[in-house]
Amino acid sequence: PLHAHLKKYDIRFFHFSYRWMNCLLMREVSLPLIIRVWDTYIAESDGFKVFHIYVCAAMLVKFSKDLLALEEFQDLIVFLQNLPTKDWTEKDIETLLAQAYVYKYQFEGAENHLH
């Protein structure tokens, strides 16, 4: 449903994911929390290259209800570029990372995986 919703409003992943990929989510969460995320990336083989994609997917799913409620291109872009993570705690990041692990183990052997 989320992909169809974004497509309906002509939201392309490069509109928001370019920053997520290049800044490694540093602009999306506070420094202490991003250090926790990067620690996980370092512990994973190909963490920055591969696991980061699962974290971004988990981020999209985390906010999917909010995104589905928005019905304007501008509102969607602003939300995706200013995620409401200001008050996140370590528990929120741990939950996000746990969900990213679920996606990794669920999809890493799938056909067309990360292609």
Protein backbone atom coordinates (compact mmCIF):
# COMPACT_ATOMS: atom_id res chain seq x y z
CA PRO A 1 0.00 0.00 0.00
CA LEU A 2 2.78 2.49 0.80
CA HIS A 3 4.55 2.06 -2.52
CA ALA A 4 1.28 2.53 -4.40
CA HIS A 5 0.52 5.63 -2.32
CA LEU A 6 3.90 7.19 -3.01
CA LYS A 7 3.58 6.33 -6.68
CA LYS A 8 0.10 7.89 -6.81
CA TYR A 9 1.58 11.23 -5.71
CA ASP A 10 4.64 10.83 -7.94
CA ILE A 11 7.02 10.50 -5.00
CA ARG A 12 10.17 8.82 -6.19
CA PHE A 13 12.65 7.30 -3.80
CA PHE A 14 15.42 9.62 -4.94
CA HIS A 15 13.35 12.57 -3.65
CA PHE A 16 14.19 11.56 -0.08
CA SER A 17 16.50 8.55 -0.09
CA TYR A 18 19.44 10.40 -1.64
CA ARG A 19 19.95 12.19 1.66
CA TRP A 20 19.25 9.03 3.68
CA MET A 21 21.95 7.19 1.71
CA ASN A 22 24.57 9.92 1.50
CA CYS A 23 24.22 11.13 5.08
CA LEU A 24 23.63 7.61 6.48
CA LEU A 25 20.58 8.91 8.40
CA MET A 26 22.72 11.39 10.33
CA ARG A 27 20.22 14.18 9.59
CA GLU A 28 17.27 12.01 10.60
CA VAL A 29 18.25 11.07 14.17
CA SER A 30 20.33 12.57 16.96
CA LEU A 31 24.08 11.98 17.18
CA PRO A 32 23.97 9.55 20.15
CA LEU A 33 21.39 7.44 18.31
CA ILE A 34 23.21 7.54 14.99
CA ILE A 35 26.34 6.32 16.78
CA ARG A 36 24.27 3.34 17.95
CA VAL A 37 23.10 2.71 14.38
CA TRP A 38 26.59 2.99 12.96
CA ASP A 39 27.91 0.66 15.66
CA THR A 40 25.51 -1.94 14.30
CA TYR A 41 26.68 -1.23 10.75
CA ILE A 42 30.29 -1.77 11.81
CA ALA A 43 29.36 -5.06 13.50
CA GLU A 44 27.63 -6.30 10.33
CA SER A 45 29.57 -7.43 7.31
CA ASP A 46 28.65 -4.91 4.60
CA GLY A 47 26.68 -2.99 7.23
CA PHE A 48 27.06 0.42 5.64
CA LYS A 49 26.55 -1.01 2.15
CA VAL A 50 23.72 -3.50 2.72
CA PHE A 51 22.24 -3.36 6.22
CA HIS A 52 21.69 0.39 5.86
CA ILE A 53 19.11 -0.35 3.13
CA TYR A 54 17.14 -2.53 5.55
CA VAL A 55 17.25 0.22 8.17
CA CYS A 56 15.87 2.68 5.62
CA ALA A 57 13.13 0.20 4.70
CA ALA A 58 12.27 -0.19 8.38
CA MET A 59 12.11 3.60 8.66
CA LEU A 60 9.60 3.76 5.81
CA VAL A 61 7.47 1.05 7.35
CA LYS A 62 7.66 2.72 10.76
CA PHE A 63 6.10 5.88 9.35
CA SER A 64 3.83 4.26 6.77
CA LYS A 65 0.58 5.15 8.59
CA ASP A 66 1.63 8.79 8.77
CA LEU A 67 2.62 8.78 5.11
CA LEU A 68 -0.60 7.11 4.01
CA ALA A 69 -2.56 9.88 5.74
CA LEU A 70 -0.84 12.59 3.67
CA GLU A 71 -2.37 13.38 0.30
CA GLU A 72 -0.24 16.12 -1.18
CA PHE A 73 3.14 15.82 -2.88
CA GLN A 74 4.60 18.66 -0.83
CA ASP A 75 3.35 17.25 2.49
CA LEU A 76 4.80 13.83 1.72
CA ILE A 77 8.19 15.24 0.74
CA VAL A 78 8.37 17.51 3.77
CA PHE A 79 7.48 14.60 6.06
CA LEU A 80 10.05 12.27 4.47
CA GLN A 81 12.76 14.92 4.71
CA ASN A 82 11.86 15.87 8.29
CA LEU A 83 10.93 12.64 10.01
CA PRO A 84 9.47 13.06 13.51
CA THR A 85 12.42 11.44 15.26
CA LYS A 86 13.46 14.39 17.44
CA ASP A 87 12.21 12.72 20.63
CA TRP A 88 13.41 9.24 19.78
CA THR A 89 15.17 7.26 22.46
CA GLU A 90 17.57 4.35 22.30
CA LYS A 91 14.56 2.04 22.57
CA ASP A 92 13.15 3.50 19.34
CA ILE A 93 16.44 2.90 17.54
CA GLU A 94 16.71 -0.62 18.96
CA THR A 95 13.21 -1.37 17.67
CA LEU A 96 14.10 0.03 14.24
CA LEU A 97 17.30 -2.02 14.08
CA ALA A 98 15.45 -5.15 15.18
CA GLN A 99 12.93 -4.66 12.38
CA ALA A 100 15.78 -4.13 9.92
CA TYR A 101 17.24 -7.48 11.00
CA VAL A 102 13.87 -9.12 10.38
CA TYR A 103 13.84 -7.70 6.85
CA LYS A 104 17.42 -8.76 6.25
CA TYR A 105 16.81 -12.36 7.20
CA GLN A 106 13.42 -12.42 5.48
CA PHE A 107 14.57 -11.04 2.13
CA GLU A 108 18.32 -11.52 1.72
CA GLY A 109 17.89 -14.71 -0.30
CA ALA A 110 15.01 -13.40 -2.39
CA GLU A 111 15.19 -13.23 -6.17
CA ASN A 112 16.28 -9.76 -7.34
CA HIS A 113 17.49 -8.98 -3.84
CA LEU A 114 18.90 -5.45 -3.70
CA HIS A 115 19.15 -5.22 -7.47
